[in-house]
Amino acid sequence: MAEKKKKTVKEKTPNSAFMKAMKPSVALAKIVGNEPLPRSEMTKKLWEYIKKNNLQDAKDKRNINADENLLAVFDGKKQVSMFEMTKLVNKHLS
């Protein structure tokens, strides 16, 4: 009888660059707070803010309508797609 080889399961390790705490800019800190956070937590807080303030476009949920605080983060744009939002938010992290 042939002996079956056991597959070793390699545990996934989180990407350290993704988990690194980033400091938000002054404009972004008005939304997510002033504490350094990993990008994933920053995005989570940003979405909480968007949903709490009903800023998703009613017709197209992929678009975010900017309020006064988000205008500074979105480079003055009144509406951005959720994909564009990620790119614009990254400019506010250090």
N, C-alpha and C. Protein backbone atom coordinates (compact mmCIF):
# COMPACT_ATOMS: atom_id res chain seq x y z
N MET A 1 0.83 -1.19 0.00
CA MET A 1 0.00 0.00 0.00
C MET A 1 0.87 1.25 0.00
N ALA A 2 0.55 2.17 -0.86
CA ALA A 2 1.31 3.41 -0.93
C ALA A 2 0.86 4.32 0.21
N GLU A 3 1.83 4.90 0.87
CA GLU A 3 1.52 5.80 1.98
C GLU A 3 1.17 7.18 1.43
N LYS A 4 0.07 7.73 1.89
CA LYS A 4 -0.35 9.05 1.41
C LYS A 4 0.52 10.11 2.07
N LYS A 5 0.92 11.06 1.25
CA LYS A 5 1.71 12.18 1.77
C LYS A 5 0.77 13.20 2.39
N LYS A 6 1.13 13.67 3.56
CA LYS A 6 0.34 14.70 4.21
C LYS A 6 0.71 16.06 3.64
N LYS A 7 -0.29 16.81 3.31
CA LYS A 7 -0.04 18.17 2.81
C LYS A 7 0.13 19.08 4.02
N THR A 8 1.17 19.84 3.99
CA THR A 8 1.36 20.81 5.07
C THR A 8 0.60 22.07 4.71
N VAL A 9 -0.19 22.50 5.63
CA VAL A 9 -0.99 23.71 5.41
C VAL A 9 -0.18 24.89 5.91
N LYS A 10 0.10 25.77 4.97
CA LYS A 10 0.86 26.97 5.32
C LYS A 10 -0.13 28.05 5.74
N GLU A 11 0.05 28.56 6.94
CA GLU A 11 -0.84 29.61 7.42
C GLU A 11 -0.54 30.89 6.67
N LYS A 12 -1.60 31.60 6.35
CA LYS A 12 -1.44 32.89 5.67
C LYS A 12 -0.97 33.93 6.68
N THR A 13 0.05 34.63 6.31
CA THR A 13 0.51 35.72 7.17
C THR A 13 0.06 37.03 6.53
N PRO A 14 -0.44 37.94 7.34
CA PRO A 14 -0.90 39.21 6.77
C PRO A 14 0.26 39.99 6.15
N ASN A 15 -0.03 40.70 5.10
CA ASN A 15 0.96 41.53 4.43
C ASN A 15 1.36 42.66 5.38
N SER A 16 2.62 42.66 5.77
CA SER A 16 3.06 43.63 6.78
C SER A 16 2.92 45.08 6.29
N ALA A 17 3.08 45.31 5.01
CA ALA A 17 2.91 46.67 4.49
C ALA A 17 1.46 47.10 4.59
N PHE A 18 0.55 46.17 4.39
CA PHE A 18 -0.88 46.48 4.46
C PHE A 18 -1.31 46.71 5.91
N MET A 19 -0.66 46.04 6.85
CA MET A 19 -1.03 46.15 8.26
C MET A 19 -0.30 47.27 9.00
N LYS A 20 0.64 47.93 8.32
CA LYS A 20 1.41 49.00 8.94
C LYS A 20 0.49 50.18 9.28
N ALA A 21 0.62 50.68 10.49
CA ALA A 21 -0.19 51.83 10.90
C ALA A 21 0.25 53.08 10.15
N MET A 22 -0.72 53.76 9.56
CA MET A 22 -0.45 54.96 8.78
C MET A 22 -1.09 56.15 9.49
N LYS A 23 -0.42 57.30 9.42
CA LYS A 23 -0.92 58.52 10.05
C LYS A 23 -1.78 59.26 9.04
N PRO A 24 -3.04 59.58 9.38
CA PRO A 24 -3.89 60.32 8.44
C PRO A 24 -3.54 61.80 8.41
N SER A 25 -3.82 62.43 7.26
CA SER A 25 -3.63 63.88 7.14
C SER A 25 -4.68 64.57 8.02
N VAL A 26 -4.55 65.88 8.18
CA VAL A 26 -5.49 66.65 8.99
C VAL A 26 -6.91 66.50 8.42
N ALA A 27 -7.04 66.57 7.08
CA ALA A 27 -8.35 66.46 6.44
C ALA A 27 -8.98 65.10 6.69
N LEU A 28 -8.19 64.04 6.55
CA LEU A 28 -8.69 62.68 6.75
C LEU A 28 -8.95 62.40 8.23
N ALA A 29 -8.17 63.01 9.10
CA ALA A 29 -8.33 62.81 10.55
C ALA A 29 -9.69 63.30 11.04
N LYS A 30 -10.29 64.26 10.35
CA LYS A 30 -11.62 64.75 10.72
C LYS A 30 -12.66 63.64 10.56
N ILE A 31 -12.36 62.66 9.73
CA ILE A 31 -13.30 61.58 9.44
C ILE A 31 -12.97 60.32 10.22
N VAL A 32 -11.69 59.92 10.22
CA VAL A 32 -11.31 58.63 10.82
C VAL A 32 -10.63 58.76 12.17
N GLY A 33 -10.36 59.97 12.62
CA GLY A 33 -9.65 60.16 13.88
C GLY A 33 -8.18 60.39 13.65
N ASN A 34 -7.48 60.84 14.66
CA ASN A 34 -6.09 61.26 14.53
C ASN A 34 -5.08 60.15 14.78
N GLU A 35 -5.54 58.98 15.25
CA GLU A 35 -4.63 57.89 15.59
C GLU A 35 -4.12 57.18 14.34
N PRO A 36 -2.84 56.79 14.33
CA PRO A 36 -2.33 55.97 13.22
C PRO A 36 -3.06 54.62 13.19
N LEU A 37 -3.50 54.21 12.01
CA LEU A 37 -4.24 52.96 11.83
C LEU A 37 -3.76 52.24 10.58
N PRO A 38 -3.91 50.91 10.53
CA PRO A 38 -3.64 50.19 9.28
C PRO A 38 -4.63 50.63 8.20
N ARG A 39 -4.26 50.49 6.94
CA ARG A 39 -5.13 50.91 5.84
C ARG A 39 -6.51 50.25 5.92
N SER A 40 -6.54 48.98 6.32
CA SER A 40 -7.82 48.28 6.39
C SER A 40 -8.75 48.93 7.40
N GLU A 41 -8.23 49.34 8.55
CA GLU A 41 -9.04 50.00 9.57
C GLU A 41 -9.45 51.40 9.11
N MET A 42 -8.56 52.07 8.40
CA MET A 42 -8.83 53.41 7.88
C MET A 42 -10.01 53.32 6.90
N THR A 43 -9.97 52.33 6.02
CA THR A 43 -11.05 52.14 5.04
C THR A 43 -12.35 51.79 5.74
N LYS A 44 -12.28 50.95 6.76
CA LYS A 44 -13.46 50.56 7.52
C LYS A 44 -14.13 51.79 8.16
N LYS A 45 -13.32 52.65 8.78
CA LYS A 45 -13.85 53.85 9.42
C LYS A 45 -14.43 54.82 8.38
N LEU A 46 -13.78 54.90 7.25
CA LEU A 46 -14.26 55.77 6.18
C LEU A 46 -15.64 55.31 5.69
N TRP A 47 -15.81 54.00 5.51
CA TRP A 47 -17.10 53.46 5.07
C TRP A 47 -18.17 53.65 6.15
N GLU A 48 -17.78 53.52 7.41
CA GLU A 48 -18.74 53.78 8.50
C GLU A 48 -19.26 55.22 8.42
N TYR A 49 -18.33 56.14 8.16
CA TYR A 49 -18.68 57.56 8.04
C TYR A 49 -19.62 57.78 6.84
N ILE A 50 -19.28 57.16 5.71
CA ILE A 50 -20.08 57.32 4.48
C ILE A 50 -21.50 56.79 4.71
N LYS A 51 -21.61 55.62 5.32
CA LYS A 51 -22.94 55.03 5.55
C LYS A 51 -23.73 55.79 6.61
N LYS A 52 -23.04 56.23 7.67
CA LYS A 52 -23.70 56.97 8.74
C LYS A 52 -24.30 58.28 8.21
N ASN A 53 -23.58 58.93 7.29
CA ASN A 53 -24.02 60.21 6.74
C ASN A 53 -24.76 60.07 5.41
N ASN A 54 -25.08 58.82 5.04
CA ASN A 54 -25.85 58.55 3.82
C ASN A 54 -25.23 59.22 2.59
N LEU A 55 -23.95 58.97 2.36
CA LEU A 55 -23.23 59.64 1.28
C LEU A 55 -23.07 58.79 0.02
N GLN A 56 -23.56 57.54 0.05
CA GLN A 56 -23.54 56.74 -1.17
C GLN A 56 -24.61 57.26 -2.10
N ASP A 57 -24.30 57.34 -3.39
CA ASP A 57 -25.26 57.83 -4.38
C ASP A 57 -26.46 56.88 -4.43
N ALA A 58 -27.65 57.42 -4.44
CA ALA A 58 -28.87 56.61 -4.42
C ALA A 58 -29.03 55.78 -5.70
N LYS A 59 -28.65 56.35 -6.84
CA LYS A 59 -28.81 55.65 -8.12
C LYS A 59 -27.69 54.66 -8.38
N ASP A 60 -26.46 55.02 -8.04
CA ASP A 60 -25.31 54.16 -8.28
C ASP A 60 -24.50 54.05 -6.99
N LYS A 61 -24.66 52.96 -6.29
CA LYS A 61 -24.04 52.77 -4.97
C LYS A 61 -22.51 52.75 -5.02
N ARG A 62 -21.94 52.63 -6.22
CA ARG A 62 -20.48 52.65 -6.35
C ARG A 62 -19.91 54.05 -6.23
N ASN A 63 -20.77 55.05 -6.31
CA ASN A 63 -20.32 56.45 -6.22
C ASN A 63 -20.56 57.00 -4.83
N ILE A 64 -19.62 57.83 -4.39
CA ILE A 64 -19.69 58.47 -3.09
C ILE A 64 -19.86 59.97 -3.31
N ASN A 65 -20.88 60.55 -2.68
CA ASN A 65 -21.11 61.99 -2.74
C ASN A 65 -20.36 62.63 -1.57
N ALA A 66 -19.56 63.62 -1.86
CA ALA A 66 -18.73 64.25 -0.83
C ALA A 66 -19.52 65.27 -0.03
N ASP A 67 -19.33 65.24 1.28
CA ASP A 67 -19.83 66.32 2.13
C ASP A 67 -18.66 67.27 2.36
N GLU A 68 -18.81 68.22 3.24
CA GLU A 68 -17.76 69.22 3.48
C GLU A 68 -16.42 68.58 3.88
N ASN A 69 -16.46 67.57 4.76
CA ASN A 69 -15.23 66.92 5.20
C ASN A 69 -14.58 66.10 4.09
N LEU A 70 -15.38 65.42 3.29
CA LEU A 70 -14.83 64.58 2.22
C LEU A 70 -14.31 65.39 1.03
N LEU A 71 -14.83 66.59 0.83
CA LEU A 71 -14.35 67.43 -0.28
C LEU A 71 -12.84 67.64 -0.18
N ALA A 72 -12.35 67.85 1.04
CA ALA A 72 -10.91 68.07 1.24
C ALA A 72 -10.11 66.81 0.91
N VAL A 73 -10.66 65.65 1.22
CA VAL A 73 -9.98 64.39 0.94
C VAL A 73 -10.07 64.04 -0.54
N PHE A 74 -11.18 64.38 -1.18
CA PHE A 74 -11.41 64.04 -2.59
C PHE A 74 -10.90 65.10 -3.56
N ASP A 75 -9.98 65.95 -3.14
CA ASP A 75 -9.40 66.99 -3.99
C ASP A 75 -10.47 67.91 -4.59
N GLY A 76 -11.52 68.21 -3.81
CA GLY A 76 -12.55 69.13 -4.25
C GLY A 76 -13.61 68.53 -5.15
N LYS A 77 -13.53 67.24 -5.44
CA LYS A 77 -14.54 66.59 -6.30
C LYS A 77 -15.80 66.32 -5.49
N LYS A 78 -16.95 66.61 -6.09
CA LYS A 78 -18.24 66.43 -5.39
C LYS A 78 -18.67 64.97 -5.37
N GLN A 79 -18.19 64.17 -6.34
CA GLN A 79 -18.54 62.76 -6.38
C GLN A 79 -17.38 61.96 -6.95
N VAL A 80 -17.08 60.82 -6.31
CA VAL A 80 -16.03 59.93 -6.81
C VAL A 80 -16.54 58.50 -6.74
N SER A 81 -15.93 57.62 -7.55
CA SER A 81 -16.27 56.20 -7.46
C SER A 81 -15.52 55.61 -6.27
N MET A 82 -15.99 54.47 -5.78
CA MET A 82 -15.32 53.87 -4.62
C MET A 82 -13.88 53.48 -4.96
N PHE A 83 -13.60 53.19 -6.22
CA PHE A 83 -12.24 52.83 -6.63
C PHE A 83 -11.34 54.07 -6.64
N GLU A 84 -11.88 55.17 -7.14
CA GLU A 84 -11.13 56.43 -7.15
C GLU A 84 -10.91 56.93 -5.72
N MET A 85 -11.88 56.66 -4.84
CA MET A 85 -11.79 57.09 -3.45
C MET A 85 -10.53 56.49 -2.79
N THR A 86 -10.28 55.22 -3.05
CA THR A 86 -9.10 54.55 -2.45
C THR A 86 -7.83 55.25 -2.87
N LYS A 87 -7.73 55.60 -4.15
CA LYS A 87 -6.54 56.29 -4.65
C LYS A 87 -6.38 57.66 -4.00
N LEU A 88 -7.48 58.39 -3.86
CA LEU A 88 -7.43 59.73 -3.27
C LEU A 88 -7.10 59.67 -1.78
N VAL A 89 -7.63 58.68 -1.08
CA VAL A 89 -7.37 58.53 0.36
C VAL A 89 -5.90 58.20 0.60
N ASN A 90 -5.30 57.41 -0.27
CA ASN A 90 -3.89 57.04 -0.11
C ASN A 90 -2.97 58.26 -0.10
N LYS A 91 -3.37 59.33 -0.78
CA LYS A 91 -2.58 60.56 -0.79
C LYS A 91 -2.56 61.24 0.60
N HIS A 92 -3.53 60.87 1.44
CA HIS A 92 -3.66 61.49 2.75
C HIS A 92 -3.08 60.63 3.88
N LEU A 93 -2.28 59.64 3.50
CA LEU A 93 -1.66 58.76 4.50
C LEU A 93 -0.15 58.92 4.46
N SER A 94 0.45 58.91 5.65
CA SER A 94 1.92 58.96 5.71
C SER A 94 2.43 58.02 6.76
